[in-house]
Amino acid sequence: MLVNISAPMKRDEIKALLEASENPTFKFVKMKTPMEMQFEVTYADGTEGDPTSYAKKLIKGQPWGAVLMVRALIEGQAFTGGKI
């Protein structure tokens, strides 16, 4: 599954943080825009979850994460401002 993470700052730190995750694993694919990174997300056999919520939880758990605006969407998902 492809997940897109948008952030105005700390992109290198976010990339390193997500790539260090073991389950799910985040593999950097490309920069879609100057602010948006794309990752291939894979879960271990027998596990599943919401990779966007997990990514945001990891990012917001960092000392600098609480003040950072981050958007995490599954590829193809539109942001409407409502519940996903």
PDB file of N, CA and C in Angstrom:
ATOM      1  N   MET A   1       0.836  -1.158   0.000  1.00  0.00           N
ATOM      2  CA  MET A   1       0.000   0.000   0.000  1.00  0.00           C
ATOM      3  C   MET A   1       0.893   1.236   0.000  1.00  0.00           C
ATOM      4  N   LEU A   2       0.510   2.234  -0.763  1.00  0.00           N
ATOM      5  CA  LEU A   2       1.266   3.483  -0.818  1.00  0.00           C
ATOM      6  C   LEU A   2       0.641   4.507   0.122  1.00  0.00           C
ATOM      7  N   VAL A   3       1.503   5.174   0.888  1.00  0.00           N
ATOM      8  CA  VAL A   3       1.063   6.212   1.816  1.00  0.00           C
ATOM      9  C   VAL A   3       1.851   7.474   1.513  1.00  0.00           C
ATOM     10  N   ASN A   4       1.148   8.604   1.484  1.00  0.00           N
ATOM     11  CA  ASN A   4       1.771   9.889   1.232  1.00  0.00           C
ATOM     12  C   ASN A   4       1.780  10.703   2.516  1.00  0.00           C
ATOM     13  N   ILE A   5       2.957  11.216   2.869  1.00  0.00           N
ATOM     14  CA  ILE A   5       3.143  12.027   4.079  1.00  0.00           C
ATOM     15  C   ILE A   5       3.586  13.415   3.644  1.00  0.00           C
ATOM     16  N   SER A   6       2.807  14.426   4.022  1.00  0.00           N
ATOM     17  CA  SER A   6       3.145  15.812   3.704  1.00  0.00           C
ATOM     18  C   SER A   6       3.528  16.544   4.975  1.00  0.00           C
ATOM     19  N   ALA A   7       4.639  17.260   4.910  1.00  0.00           N
ATOM     20  CA  ALA A   7       5.098  18.060   6.039  1.00  0.00           C
ATOM     21  C   ALA A   7       5.937  19.219   5.510  1.00  0.00           C
ATOM     22  N   PRO A   8       5.769  20.410   6.092  1.00  0.00           N
ATOM     23  CA  PRO A   8       6.529  21.559   5.613  1.00  0.00           C
ATOM     24  C   PRO A   8       7.989  21.560   6.058  1.00  0.00           C
ATOM     25  N   MET A   9       8.293  20.843   7.159  1.00  0.00           N
ATOM     26  CA  MET A   9       9.648  20.825   7.703  1.00  0.00           C
ATOM     27  C   MET A   9       9.950  19.430   8.231  1.00  0.00           C
ATOM     28  N   LYS A  10      11.203  19.195   8.578  1.00  0.00           N
ATOM     29  CA  LYS A  10      11.644  17.947   9.225  1.00  0.00           C
ATOM     30  C   LYS A  10      11.423  16.706   8.347  1.00  0.00           C
ATOM     31  N   ARG A  11      11.433  16.870   7.043  1.00  0.00           N
ATOM     32  CA  ARG A  11      11.192  15.732   6.145  1.00  0.00           C
ATOM     33  C   ARG A  11      12.274  14.662   6.272  1.00  0.00           C
ATOM     34  N   ASP A  12      13.532  15.057   6.415  1.00  0.00           N
ATOM     35  CA  ASP A  12      14.603  14.067   6.566  1.00  0.00           C
ATOM     36  C   ASP A  12      14.427  13.263   7.852  1.00  0.00           C
ATOM     37  N   GLU A  13      14.056  13.946   8.921  1.00  0.00           N
ATOM     38  CA  GLU A  13      13.838  13.268  10.191  1.00  0.00           C
ATOM     39  C   GLU A  13      12.632  12.334  10.120  1.00  0.00           C
ATOM     40  N   ILE A  14      11.565  12.782   9.461  1.00  0.00           N
ATOM     41  CA  ILE A  14      10.367  11.945   9.301  1.00  0.00           C
ATOM     42  C   ILE A  14      10.693  10.711   8.470  1.00  0.00           C
ATOM     43  N   LYS A  15      11.422  10.906   7.391  1.00  0.00           N
ATOM     44  CA  LYS A  15      11.805   9.783   6.536  1.00  0.00           C
ATOM     45  C   LYS A  15      12.605   8.751   7.339  1.00  0.00           C
ATOM     46  N   ALA A  16      13.597   9.197   8.089  1.00  0.00           N
ATOM     47  CA  ALA A  16      14.421   8.278   8.890  1.00  0.00           C
ATOM     48  C   ALA A  16      13.589   7.582   9.957  1.00  0.00           C
ATOM     49  N   LEU A  17      12.689   8.304  10.597  1.00  0.00           N
ATOM     50  CA  LEU A  17      11.831   7.743  11.633  1.00  0.00           C
ATOM     51  C   LEU A  17      10.942   6.637  11.068  1.00  0.00           C
ATOM     52  N   LEU A  18      10.296   6.909   9.942  1.00  0.00           N
ATOM     53  CA  LEU A  18       9.396   5.908   9.352  1.00  0.00           C
ATOM     54  C   LEU A  18      10.170   4.702   8.821  1.00  0.00           C
ATOM     55  N   GLU A  19      11.319   4.938   8.204  1.00  0.00           N
ATOM     56  CA  GLU A  19      12.104   3.816   7.681  1.00  0.00           C
ATOM     57  C   GLU A  19      12.651   2.927   8.790  1.00  0.00           C
ATOM     58  N   ALA A  20      12.732   3.428  10.013  1.00  0.00           N
ATOM     59  CA  ALA A  20      13.210   2.624  11.145  1.00  0.00           C
ATOM     60  C   ALA A  20      12.101   1.739  11.734  1.00  0.00           C
ATOM     61  N   SER A  21      10.864   1.983  11.331  1.00  0.00           N
ATOM     62  CA  SER A  21       9.737   1.194  11.840  1.00  0.00           C
ATOM     63  C   SER A  21       9.829  -0.244  11.327  1.00  0.00           C
ATOM     64  N   GLU A  22       9.533  -1.211  12.203  1.00  0.00           N
ATOM     65  CA  GLU A  22       9.645  -2.624  11.832  1.00  0.00           C
ATOM     66  C   GLU A  22       8.320  -3.254  11.434  1.00  0.00           C
ATOM     67  N   ASN A  23       7.230  -2.848  12.035  1.00  0.00           N
ATOM     68  CA  ASN A  23       5.918  -3.371  11.623  1.00  0.00           C
ATOM     69  C   ASN A  23       4.853  -2.328  11.922  1.00  0.00           C
ATOM     70  N   PRO A  24       4.421  -1.633  10.897  1.00  0.00           N
ATOM     71  CA  PRO A  24       4.683  -1.863   9.487  1.00  0.00           C
ATOM     72  C   PRO A  24       6.044  -1.304   9.064  1.00  0.00           C
ATOM     73  N   THR A  25       6.519  -1.777   7.938  1.00  0.00           N
ATOM     74  CA  THR A  25       7.745  -1.223   7.370  1.00  0.00           C
ATOM     75  C   THR A  25       7.370  -0.138   6.365  1.00  0.00           C
ATOM     76  N   PHE A  26       8.109   0.951   6.388  1.00  0.00           N
ATOM     77  CA  PHE A  26       7.916   2.056   5.456  1.00  0.00           C
ATOM     78  C   PHE A  26       9.151   2.133   4.572  1.00  0.00           C
ATOM     79  N   LYS A  27       8.978   1.975   3.274  1.00  0.00           N
ATOM     80  CA  LYS A  27      10.087   2.088   2.328  1.00  0.00           C
ATOM     81  C   LYS A  27       9.853   3.339   1.481  1.00  0.00           C
ATOM     82  N   PHE A  28      10.804   4.271   1.538  1.00  0.00           N
ATOM     83  CA  PHE A  28      10.680   5.513   0.772  1.00  0.00           C
ATOM     84  C   PHE A  28      10.639   5.196  -0.716  1.00  0.00           C
ATOM     85  N   VAL A  29       9.673   5.777  -1.417  1.00  0.00           N
ATOM     86  CA  VAL A  29       9.524   5.562  -2.855  1.00  0.00           C
ATOM     87  C   VAL A  29      10.013   6.783  -3.620  1.00  0.00           C
ATOM     88  N   LYS A  30       9.419   7.961  -3.301  1.00  0.00           N
ATOM     89  CA  LYS A  30       9.806   9.176  -4.035  1.00  0.00           C
ATOM     90  C   LYS A  30       9.229  10.399  -3.351  1.00  0.00           C
ATOM     91  N   MET A  31       9.714  11.552  -3.788  1.00  0.00           N
ATOM     92  CA  MET A  31       9.108  12.827  -3.414  1.00  0.00           C
ATOM     93  C   MET A  31       8.063  13.136  -4.481  1.00  0.00           C
ATOM     94  N   LYS A  32       6.807  13.213  -4.079  1.00  0.00           N
ATOM     95  CA  LYS A  32       5.742  13.528  -5.036  1.00  0.00           C
ATOM     96  C   LYS A  32       5.721  15.011  -5.359  1.00  0.00           C
ATOM     97  N   THR A  33       5.948  15.822  -4.344  1.00  0.00           N
ATOM     98  CA  THR A  33       6.050  17.277  -4.469  1.00  0.00           C
ATOM     99  C   THR A  33       7.170  17.701  -3.522  1.00  0.00           C
ATOM    100  N   PRO A  34       7.542  18.967  -3.521  1.00  0.00           N
ATOM    101  CA  PRO A  34       8.586  19.381  -2.586  1.00  0.00           C
ATOM    102  C   PRO A  34       8.251  19.130  -1.110  1.00  0.00           C
ATOM    103  N   MET A  35       6.955  18.982  -0.777  1.00  0.00           N
ATOM    104  CA  MET A  35       6.556  18.738   0.616  1.00  0.00           C
ATOM    105  C   MET A  35       6.021  17.336   0.862  1.00  0.00           C
ATOM    106  N   GLU A  36       5.746  16.571  -0.172  1.00  0.00           N
ATOM    107  CA  GLU A  36       5.053  15.286  -0.008  1.00  0.00           C
ATOM    108  C   GLU A  36       5.945  14.095  -0.359  1.00  0.00           C
ATOM    109  N   MET A  37       6.105  13.201   0.623  1.00  0.00           N
ATOM    110  CA  MET A  37       6.893  11.981   0.425  1.00  0.00           C
ATOM    111  C   MET A  37       5.945  10.795   0.264  1.00  0.00           C
ATOM    112  N   GLN A  38       6.379   9.832  -0.544  1.00  0.00           N
ATOM    113  CA  GLN A  38       5.573   8.628  -0.736  1.00  0.00           C
ATOM    114  C   GLN A  38       6.344   7.416  -0.216  1.00  0.00           C
ATOM    115  N   PHE A  39       5.644   6.552   0.528  1.00  0.00           N
ATOM    116  CA  PHE A  39       6.225   5.354   1.106  1.00  0.00           C
ATOM    117  C   PHE A  39       5.402   4.137   0.725  1.00  0.00           C
ATOM    118  N   GLU A  40       6.086   3.017   0.498  1.00  0.00           N
ATOM    119  CA  GLU A  40       5.432   1.716   0.344  1.00  0.00           C
ATOM    120  C   GLU A  40       5.371   1.119   1.739  1.00  0.00           C
ATOM    121  N   VAL A  41       4.157   0.765   2.183  1.00  0.00           N
ATOM    122  CA  VAL A  41       3.965   0.243   3.535  1.00  0.00           C
ATOM    123  C   VAL A  41       3.611  -1.235   3.451  1.00  0.00           C
ATOM    124  N   THR A  42       4.310  -2.031   4.266  1.00  0.00           N
ATOM    125  CA  THR A  42       4.079  -3.473   4.302  1.00  0.00           C
ATOM    126  C   THR A  42       3.952  -3.916   5.750  1.00  0.00           C
ATOM    127  N   TYR A  43       2.933  -4.717   6.005  1.00  0.00           N
ATOM    128  CA  TYR A  43       2.744  -5.303   7.337  1.00  0.00           C
ATOM    129  C   TYR A  43       3.263  -6.732   7.338  1.00  0.00           C
ATOM    130  N   ALA A  44       3.728  -7.195   8.493  1.00  0.00           N
ATOM    131  CA  ALA A  44       4.156  -8.586   8.643  1.00  0.00           C
ATOM    132  C   ALA A  44       2.939  -9.490   8.456  1.00  0.00           C
ATOM    133  N   ASP A  45       3.192 -10.726   8.039  1.00  0.00           N
ATOM    134  CA  ASP A  45       2.104 -11.679   7.847  1.00  0.00           C
ATOM    135  C   ASP A  45       1.251 -11.792   9.098  1.00  0.00           C
ATOM    136  N   GLY A  46      -0.055 -11.770   8.906  1.00  0.00           N
ATOM    137  CA  GLY A  46      -0.975 -11.925  10.018  1.00  0.00           C
ATOM    138  C   GLY A  46      -1.271 -10.650  10.789  1.00  0.00           C
ATOM    139  N   THR A  47      -0.694  -9.531  10.349  1.00  0.00           N
ATOM    140  CA  THR A  47      -0.982  -8.261  11.015  1.00  0.00           C
ATOM    141  C   THR A  47      -1.514  -7.272  10.001  1.00  0.00           C
ATOM    142  N   GLU A  48      -2.252  -6.328  10.492  1.00  0.00           N
ATOM    143  CA  GLU A  48      -2.751  -5.260   9.636  1.00  0.00           C
ATOM    144  C   GLU A  48      -3.070  -4.063  10.509  1.00  0.00           C
ATOM    145  N   GLY A  49      -3.344  -2.945   9.879  1.00  0.00           N
ATOM    146  CA  GLY A  49      -3.654  -1.749  10.636  1.00  0.00           C
ATOM    147  C   GLY A  49      -3.817  -0.555   9.725  1.00  0.00           C
ATOM    148  N   ASP A  50      -3.877   0.615  10.316  1.00  0.00           N
ATOM    149  CA  ASP A  50      -4.018   1.862   9.574  1.00  0.00           C
ATOM    150  C   ASP A  50      -2.652   2.551   9.538  1.00  0.00           C
ATOM    151  N   PRO A  51      -1.952   2.462   8.424  1.00  0.00           N
ATOM    152  CA  PRO A  51      -0.598   3.026   8.374  1.00  0.00           C
ATOM    153  C   PRO A  51      -0.566   4.545   8.501  1.00  0.00           C
ATOM    154  N   THR A  52      -1.637   5.226   8.105  1.00  0.00           N
ATOM    155  CA  THR A  52      -1.627   6.685   8.219  1.00  0.00           C
ATOM    156  C   THR A  52      -1.683   7.115   9.683  1.00  0.00           C
ATOM    157  N   SER A  53      -2.539   6.476  10.466  1.00  0.00           N
ATOM    158  CA  SER A  53      -2.624   6.800  11.899  1.00  0.00           C
ATOM    159  C   SER A  53      -1.334   6.439  12.612  1.00  0.00           C
ATOM    160  N   TYR A  54      -0.740   5.307  12.246  1.00  0.00           N
ATOM    161  CA  TYR A  54       0.509   4.869  12.865  1.00  0.00           C
ATOM    162  C   TYR A  54       1.631   5.866  12.558  1.00  0.00           C
ATOM    163  N   ALA A  55       1.725   6.303  11.299  1.00  0.00           N
ATOM    164  CA  ALA A  55       2.761   7.262  10.912  1.00  0.00           C
ATOM    165  C   ALA A  55       2.601   8.570  11.685  1.00  0.00           C
ATOM    166  N   LYS A  56       1.374   9.064  11.768  1.00  0.00           N
ATOM    167  CA  LYS A  56       1.140  10.310  12.495  1.00  0.00           C
ATOM    168  C   LYS A  56       1.468  10.154  13.979  1.00  0.00           C
ATOM    169  N   LYS A  57       1.151   8.996  14.556  1.00  0.00           N
ATOM    170  CA  LYS A  57       1.452   8.754  15.969  1.00  0.00           C
ATOM    171  C   LYS A  57       2.967   8.768  16.205  1.00  0.00           C
ATOM    172  N   LEU A  58       3.726   8.127  15.301  1.00  0.00           N
ATOM    173  CA  LEU A  58       5.184   8.136  15.423  1.00  0.00           C
ATOM    174  C   LEU A  58       5.737   9.556  15.341  1.00  0.00           C
ATOM    175  N   ILE A  59       5.257  10.308  14.361  1.00  0.00           N
ATOM    176  CA  ILE A  59       5.751  11.673  14.139  1.00  0.00           C
ATOM    177  C   ILE A  59       5.386  12.575  15.311  1.00  0.00           C
ATOM    178  N   LYS A  60       4.143  12.508  15.747  1.00  0.00           N
ATOM    179  CA  LYS A  60       3.686  13.372  16.848  1.00  0.00           C
ATOM    180  C   LYS A  60       4.341  12.999  18.171  1.00  0.00           C
ATOM    181  N   GLY A  61       4.891  11.796  18.280  1.00  0.00           N
ATOM    182  CA  GLY A  61       5.570  11.361  19.486  1.00  0.00           C
ATOM    183  C   GLY A  61       6.978  11.908  19.637  1.00  0.00           C
ATOM    184  N   GLN A  62       7.486  12.558  18.604  1.00  0.00           N
ATOM    185  CA  GLN A  62       8.819  13.152  18.662  1.00  0.00           C
ATOM    186  C   GLN A  62       8.765  14.497  19.380  1.00  0.00           C
ATOM    187  N   PRO A  63       9.880  14.952  19.959  1.00  0.00           N
ATOM    188  CA  PRO A  63       9.877  16.239  20.669  1.00  0.00           C
ATOM    189  C   PRO A  63       9.422  17.398  19.777  1.00  0.00           C
ATOM    190  N   TRP A  64       9.735  17.342  18.499  1.00  0.00           N
ATOM    191  CA  TRP A  64       9.359  18.406  17.571  1.00  0.00           C
ATOM    192  C   TRP A  64       8.027  18.112  16.873  1.00  0.00           C
ATOM    193  N   GLY A  65       7.475  16.929  17.063  1.00  0.00           N
ATOM    194  CA  GLY A  65       6.286  16.513  16.329  1.00  0.00           C
ATOM    195  C   GLY A  65       4.998  17.192  16.737  1.00  0.00           C
ATOM    196  N   ALA A  66       4.900  17.593  17.992  1.00  0.00           N
ATOM    197  CA  ALA A  66       3.652  18.187  18.474  1.00  0.00           C
ATOM    198  C   ALA A  66       3.334  19.521  17.804  1.00  0.00           C
ATOM    199  N   VAL A  67       4.336  20.211  17.315  1.00  0.00           N
ATOM    200  CA  VAL A  67       4.110  21.525  16.699  1.00  0.00           C
ATOM    201  C   VAL A  67       4.166  21.476  15.171  1.00  0.00           C
ATOM    202  N   LEU A  68       4.286  20.286  14.616  1.00  0.00           N
ATOM    203  CA  LEU A  68       4.434  20.130  13.176  1.00  0.00           C
ATOM    204  C   LEU A  68       3.118  19.741  12.523  1.00  0.00           C
ATOM    205  N   MET A  69       2.726  20.447  11.473  1.00  0.00           N
ATOM    206  CA  MET A  69       1.530  20.097  10.722  1.00  0.00           C
ATOM    207  C   MET A  69       1.904  18.976   9.759  1.00  0.00           C
ATOM    208  N   VAL A  70       1.228  17.830   9.884  1.00  0.00           N
ATOM    209  CA  VAL A  70       1.515  16.663   9.055  1.00  0.00           C
ATOM    210  C   VAL A  70       0.206  16.136   8.485  1.00  0.00           C
ATOM    211  N   ARG A  71       0.241  15.768   7.207  1.00  0.00           N
ATOM    212  CA  ARG A  71      -0.913  15.112   6.593  1.00  0.00           C
ATOM    213  C   ARG A  71      -0.459  13.752   6.100  1.00  0.00           C
ATOM    214  N   ALA A  72      -1.208  12.719   6.456  1.00  0.00           N
ATOM    215  CA  ALA A  72      -0.903  11.354   6.022  1.00  0.00           C
ATOM    216  C   ALA A  72      -2.139  10.775   5.353  1.00  0.00           C
ATOM    217  N   LEU A  73      -1.992  10.391   4.089  1.00  0.00           N
ATOM    218  CA  LEU A  73      -3.101   9.837   3.320  1.00  0.00           C
ATOM    219  C   LEU A  73      -2.655   8.594   2.573  1.00  0.00           C
ATOM    220  N   ILE A  74      -3.585   7.659   2.404  1.00  0.00           N
ATOM    221  CA  ILE A  74      -3.341   6.516   1.535  1.00  0.00           C
ATOM    222  C   ILE A  74      -3.427   7.015   0.104  1.00  0.00           C
ATOM    223  N   GLU A  75      -2.547   6.562  -0.766  1.00  0.00           N
ATOM    224  CA  GLU A  75      -2.511   6.994  -2.169  1.00  0.00           C
ATOM    225  C   GLU A  75      -3.900   6.855  -2.782  1.00  0.00           C
ATOM    226  N   GLY A  76      -4.368   7.932  -3.391  1.00  0.00           N
ATOM    227  CA  GLY A  76      -5.667   7.943  -4.034  1.00  0.00           C
ATOM    228  C   GLY A  76      -6.772   8.474  -3.136  1.00  0.00           C
ATOM    229  N   GLN A  77      -6.496   8.590  -1.854  1.00  0.00           N
ATOM    230  CA  GLN A  77      -7.487   9.086  -0.903  1.00  0.00           C
ATOM    231  C   GLN A  77      -7.522  10.618  -0.979  1.00  0.00           C
ATOM    232  N   ALA A  78      -8.703  11.173  -0.983  1.00  0.00           N
ATOM    233  CA  ALA A  78      -8.838  12.633  -1.035  1.00  0.00           C
ATOM    234  C   ALA A  78      -9.021  13.184   0.371  1.00  0.00           C
ATOM    235  N   PHE A  79      -8.390  14.312   0.656  1.00  0.00           N
ATOM    236  CA  PHE A  79      -8.556  14.956   1.948  1.00  0.00           C
ATOM    237  C   PHE A  79      -9.735  15.913   1.844  1.00  0.00           C
ATOM    238  N   THR A  80     -10.765  15.640   2.638  1.00  0.00           N
ATOM    239  CA  THR A  80     -11.961  16.481   2.615  1.00  0.00           C
ATOM    240  C   THR A  80     -12.131  17.250   3.910  1.00  0.00           C
ATOM    241  N   GLY A  81     -11.270  16.991   4.878  1.00  0.00           N
ATOM    242  CA  GLY A  81     -11.364  17.658   6.156  1.00  0.00           C
ATOM    243  C   GLY A  81     -12.235  16.916   7.145  1.00  0.00           C
ATOM    244  N   GLY A  82     -12.905  15.878   6.692  1.00  0.00           N
ATOM    245  CA  GLY A  82     -13.764  15.101   7.566  1.00  0.00           C
ATOM    246  C   GLY A  82     -13.096  13.830   8.015  1.00  0.00           C
ATOM    247  N   LYS A  83     -13.888  12.961   8.672  1.00  0.00           N
ATOM    248  CA  LYS A  83     -13.356  11.674   9.121  1.00  0.00           C
ATOM    249  C   LYS A  83     -13.032  10.805   7.919  1.00  0.00           C
ATOM    250  N   ILE A  84     -12.029   9.979   8.084  1.00  0.00           N
ATOM    251  CA  ILE A  84     -11.611   9.089   6.990  1.00  0.00           C
ATOM    252  C   ILE A  84     -12.262   7.739   7.184  1.00  0.00           C
TER     253      ILE A  84
END
